[in-house]
Amino acid sequence: MKIKLSPRLEVIAGCVAGVESMADIGTDHGYLPVYLVENALVSRAIASDTNLQPLKKAEKIINEQQLAKQIETRLGSGLSVLKPGEVDAVVMAGMGGLLIRDLLEAQPDVARQKKKLVLQPMNNQAVLRKYLEAAGFGIISEELAREGDRVYEVIVAKPGKMVVTNPLEYELGFEFYMHKHPLLGALIDRKIFLEQQIVRSTRGKTTAIAAKQWKESSLFIEKLNEVKRCQSN
């Protein structure tokens, strides 16, 4: 029986397709590389994880699908399990944006040898985009995926220059105002909701940090609502 992916992983798979080989860093159960190989979207894959237990689960699924010759499992942290140029694409999904940044920064020679990086940060998306820009990576496309009330941001980048013309691109995605993704409104609503929680928790507090957070979140909500109004026109 072929693997069926969640909407989030399905979008990620679509971003990976078109290369010969890939590595899934933090593979968990190994669903993504198995799906990509059994659907002939890539020819070979590496599934890695820092923990042995999920890697054993991935190995079990790989063997059940009779894909052991095409999918190799490796135990280790981040890009340390790879050699420069060993695969065409790297996926880092389901991690915090700060962790993805740190893993890329720890092995820059490996990161720069990839045709594409497919990154799906669970948080701190703006921090990750700013890092990519500063570190000499260009975002070439972005996608969104929805599961329940959550909208996931998928960033596709490669070595190169990135020109940011609108500061909100760090928060809402590369050229969000041009592409007008059908889930952009839902993403904006989600970000407004999260900022409103900060506003409520800091309202009336007198510490300098709380006052700063309240002001920044209030201004950000205004900007997001402005984008939302423009999108609906």
Protein backbone atom coordinates (compact mmCIF):
# COMPACT_ATOMS: atom_id res chain seq x y z
CA MET A 1 0.00 0.00 0.00
CA LYS A 2 1.38 3.40 -1.00
CA ILE A 3 2.03 6.05 1.62
CA LYS A 4 -0.53 8.85 1.88
CA LEU A 5 0.81 12.17 3.11
CA SER A 6 -0.77 14.85 5.26
CA PRO A 7 -1.54 18.15 3.44
CA ARG A 8 1.63 19.69 4.92
CA LEU A 9 3.92 16.89 3.74
CA GLU A 10 2.16 16.74 0.38
CA VAL A 11 3.00 20.39 -0.27
CA ILE A 12 6.59 19.78 0.82
CA ALA A 13 6.82 16.79 -1.54
CA GLY A 14 5.66 18.97 -4.41
CA CYS A 15 8.43 21.46 -3.62
CA VAL A 16 11.06 18.70 -3.64
CA ALA A 17 9.95 17.04 -6.90
CA GLY A 18 12.16 17.61 -9.93
CA VAL A 19 15.53 16.57 -8.50
CA GLU A 20 17.36 13.26 -8.63
CA SER A 21 18.05 12.84 -4.92
CA MET A 22 17.05 14.31 -1.57
CA ALA A 23 17.71 14.10 2.16
CA ASP A 24 15.04 14.41 4.82
CA ILE A 25 16.64 15.82 7.94
CA GLY A 26 14.61 14.91 11.01
CA THR A 27 12.64 12.33 9.04
CA ASP A 28 10.57 10.99 11.96
CA HIS A 29 8.62 8.06 10.43
CA GLY A 30 10.19 8.44 6.99
CA TYR A 31 6.90 9.08 5.20
CA LEU A 32 8.24 11.89 3.00
CA PRO A 33 11.23 10.08 1.40
CA VAL A 34 9.16 6.90 0.98
CA TYR A 35 6.41 8.84 -0.80
CA LEU A 36 8.88 10.65 -3.05
CA VAL A 37 10.66 7.46 -4.12
CA GLU A 38 7.63 5.22 -4.57
CA ASN A 39 5.96 7.89 -6.72
CA ALA A 40 9.14 8.34 -8.80
CA LEU A 41 9.48 11.99 -7.77
CA VAL A 42 13.11 11.30 -6.79
CA SER A 43 15.35 8.30 -7.54
CA ARG A 44 17.04 8.00 -4.18
CA ALA A 45 16.81 9.48 -0.72
CA ILE A 46 18.49 9.69 2.66
CA ALA A 47 16.34 9.70 5.80
CA SER A 48 18.11 10.97 8.91
CA ASP A 49 17.20 11.70 12.50
CA THR A 50 19.00 12.55 15.72
CA ASN A 51 17.07 9.87 17.63
CA LEU A 52 17.33 6.15 17.03
CA GLN A 53 13.71 5.33 17.87
CA PRO A 54 12.05 7.30 15.04
CA LEU A 55 14.79 6.14 12.69
CA LYS A 56 13.91 2.52 13.46
CA LYS A 57 10.27 3.30 12.64
CA ALA A 58 11.40 4.84 9.35
CA GLU A 59 13.52 1.76 8.56
CA LYS A 60 10.50 -0.48 9.22
CA ILE A 61 8.33 1.45 6.76
CA ILE A 62 11.12 1.60 4.17
CA ASN A 63 11.55 -2.17 4.37
CA GLU A 64 7.81 -2.79 4.23
CA GLN A 65 7.65 -0.74 1.04
CA GLN A 66 10.69 -2.64 -0.33
CA LEU A 67 12.66 0.57 -0.87
CA ALA A 68 15.81 -0.19 1.13
CA LYS A 69 17.96 -0.05 -2.01
CA GLN A 70 16.83 3.50 -2.76
CA ILE A 71 16.42 4.99 0.72
CA GLU A 72 19.30 4.99 3.20
CA THR A 73 18.83 5.86 6.88
CA ARG A 74 21.43 7.74 8.90
CA LEU A 75 21.64 8.64 12.57
CA GLY A 76 22.98 12.11 13.28
CA SER A 77 22.31 15.81 13.72
CA GLY A 78 21.37 18.14 10.89
CA LEU A 79 23.55 18.31 7.80
CA SER A 80 26.45 16.54 9.54
CA VAL A 81 25.12 13.27 8.08
CA LEU A 82 25.74 14.52 4.53
CA LYS A 83 28.74 15.23 2.36
CA PRO A 84 28.81 18.34 0.15
CA GLY A 85 27.01 17.61 -3.12
CA GLU A 86 25.79 14.18 -1.99
CA VAL A 87 22.13 14.98 -2.68
CA ASP A 88 20.36 17.62 -4.77
CA ALA A 89 17.78 18.75 -2.23
CA VAL A 90 17.51 18.90 1.54
CA VAL A 91 14.28 19.03 3.52
CA MET A 92 14.11 20.40 7.05
CA ALA A 93 10.49 20.35 8.15
CA GLY A 94 8.58 20.42 11.41
CA MET A 95 11.39 22.17 13.31
CA GLY A 96 11.63 25.60 14.84
CA GLY A 97 12.99 28.34 12.60
CA LEU A 98 15.89 28.99 14.98
CA LEU A 99 16.92 25.33 14.90
CA ILE A 100 16.80 25.24 11.08
CA ARG A 101 18.96 28.36 10.99
CA ASP A 102 21.48 26.85 13.41
CA LEU A 103 21.66 23.56 11.47
CA LEU A 104 22.31 25.41 8.21
CA GLU A 105 24.91 27.61 9.86
CA ALA A 106 26.68 24.61 11.40
CA GLN A 107 27.38 23.01 7.99
CA PRO A 108 27.54 25.88 5.45
CA ASP A 109 29.68 23.91 2.99
CA VAL A 110 26.99 21.22 2.78
CA ALA A 111 24.09 23.67 2.65
CA ARG A 112 25.60 25.61 -0.26
CA GLN A 113 26.08 22.51 -2.41
CA LYS A 114 22.35 21.88 -2.74
CA LYS A 115 20.16 22.75 -5.72
CA LYS A 116 17.37 23.52 -3.30
CA LEU A 117 16.61 23.72 0.39
CA VAL A 118 12.99 23.00 1.29
CA LEU A 119 12.39 24.45 4.75
CA GLN A 120 9.20 24.33 6.81
CA PRO A 121 9.74 26.22 10.07
CA MET A 122 7.09 25.84 12.76
CA ASN A 123 7.86 29.30 14.13
CA ASN A 124 10.31 32.21 13.76
CA GLN A 125 9.76 32.22 10.00
CA ALA A 126 10.87 35.86 9.72
CA VAL A 127 14.12 35.12 11.55
CA LEU A 128 14.86 32.25 9.15
CA ARG A 129 14.15 34.37 6.06
CA LYS A 130 16.45 37.11 7.35
CA TYR A 131 19.17 34.54 7.97
CA LEU A 132 18.84 33.11 4.45
CA GLU A 133 19.20 36.59 2.99
CA ALA A 134 22.24 37.44 5.14
CA ALA A 135 23.91 34.06 4.54
CA GLY A 136 23.76 34.29 0.75
CA PHE A 137 20.69 32.21 -0.03
CA GLY A 138 17.88 33.33 -2.28
CA ILE A 139 14.27 32.29 -1.76
CA ILE A 140 13.00 31.07 -5.12
CA SER A 141 9.44 30.12 -4.16
CA GLU A 142 7.13 29.63 -1.21
CA GLU A 143 4.05 27.53 -0.55
CA LEU A 144 1.42 27.30 2.15
CA ALA A 145 -0.37 24.25 3.52
CA ARG A 146 -3.35 24.09 5.84
CA GLU A 147 -4.18 21.50 8.47
CA GLY A 148 -7.04 22.39 10.77
CA ASP A 149 -6.65 25.97 11.97
CA ARG A 150 -2.92 26.03 11.29
CA VAL A 151 -1.24 27.32 8.12
CA TYR A 152 2.27 26.05 7.46
CA GLU A 153 4.87 28.07 5.55
CA VAL A 154 7.19 26.20 3.17
CA ILE A 155 10.29 28.05 1.96
CA VAL A 156 12.30 26.90 -1.07
CA ALA A 157 15.77 28.46 -1.27
CA LYS A 158 19.10 27.98 -3.02
CA PRO A 159 22.49 29.71 -2.93
CA GLY A 160 22.17 33.16 -4.48
CA LYS A 161 21.15 36.73 -3.89
CA MET A 162 17.75 37.73 -2.57
CA VAL A 163 16.31 41.22 -2.92
CA VAL A 164 13.64 42.15 -0.39
CA THR A 165 11.54 45.11 -1.52
CA ASN A 166 8.88 44.93 1.18
CA PRO A 167 9.77 44.33 4.88
CA LEU A 168 6.58 42.28 5.27
CA GLU A 169 8.16 39.63 3.02
CA TYR A 170 10.09 38.46 6.07
CA GLU A 171 6.80 37.81 7.85
CA LEU A 172 4.44 36.76 5.04
CA GLY A 173 6.71 35.19 2.47
CA PHE A 174 8.74 35.97 -0.60
CA GLU A 175 6.77 38.29 -2.93
CA PHE A 176 3.54 37.49 -1.06
CA TYR A 177 1.94 40.59 -2.55
CA MET A 178 2.56 39.34 -6.10
CA HIS A 179 1.59 35.68 -5.79
CA LYS A 180 -1.55 36.13 -3.64
CA HIS A 181 -1.64 32.54 -2.46
CA PRO A 182 -5.22 31.33 -1.74
CA LEU A 183 -4.19 30.58 1.85
CA LEU A 184 -2.58 33.98 2.41
CA GLY A 185 -5.70 35.34 4.11
CA ALA A 186 -5.74 32.39 6.51
CA LEU A 187 -2.04 32.89 7.23
CA ILE A 188 -2.61 36.56 8.01
CA ASP A 189 -5.55 35.69 10.29
CA ARG A 190 -3.38 33.18 12.15
CA LYS A 191 -0.59 35.73 12.64
CA ILE A 192 -3.09 38.36 13.83
CA PHE A 193 -4.47 35.85 16.34
CA LEU A 194 -0.99 35.13 17.72
CA GLU A 195 -0.12 38.82 17.97
CA GLN A 196 -3.43 39.54 19.72
CA GLN A 197 -2.45 37.03 22.39
CA ILE A 198 0.75 39.00 22.98
CA VAL A 199 -1.20 42.27 23.12
CA ARG A 200 -3.60 40.84 25.71
CA SER A 201 -0.81 39.41 27.86
CA THR A 202 1.24 42.64 27.86
CA ARG A 203 -1.54 45.24 28.02
CA GLY A 204 -1.22 47.44 31.11
CA LYS A 205 2.13 46.04 32.21
CA THR A 206 4.73 48.64 33.10
CA THR A 207 8.01 46.86 32.42
CA ALA A 208 10.03 48.16 29.48
CA ILE A 209 10.04 44.75 27.77
CA ALA A 210 6.26 44.32 28.07
CA ALA A 211 5.61 47.87 26.83
CA LYS A 212 7.90 47.26 23.84
CA GLN A 213 6.19 43.95 23.01
CA TRP A 214 2.74 45.54 23.29
CA LYS A 215 3.71 48.38 20.93
CA GLU A 216 5.41 46.13 18.36
CA SER A 217 2.54 43.63 18.29
CA SER A 218 -0.08 46.38 18.04
CA LEU A 219 1.72 47.98 15.08
CA PHE A 220 2.19 44.59 13.41
CA ILE A 221 -1.53 43.85 13.72
CA GLU A 222 -2.28 47.16 12.00
CA LYS A 223 0.07 46.28 9.12
CA LEU A 224 -1.44 42.80 8.76
CA ASN A 225 -4.96 44.20 8.68
CA GLU A 226 -3.86 46.66 6.01
CA VAL A 227 -2.49 43.82 3.87
CA LYS A 228 -5.72 41.91 4.41
CA ARG A 229 -7.78 44.87 3.21
CA CYS A 230 -5.59 45.22 0.11
CA GLN A 231 -5.90 41.50 -0.66
CA SER A 232 -9.70 41.72 -0.58
CA ASN A 233 -9.86 44.67 -2.98
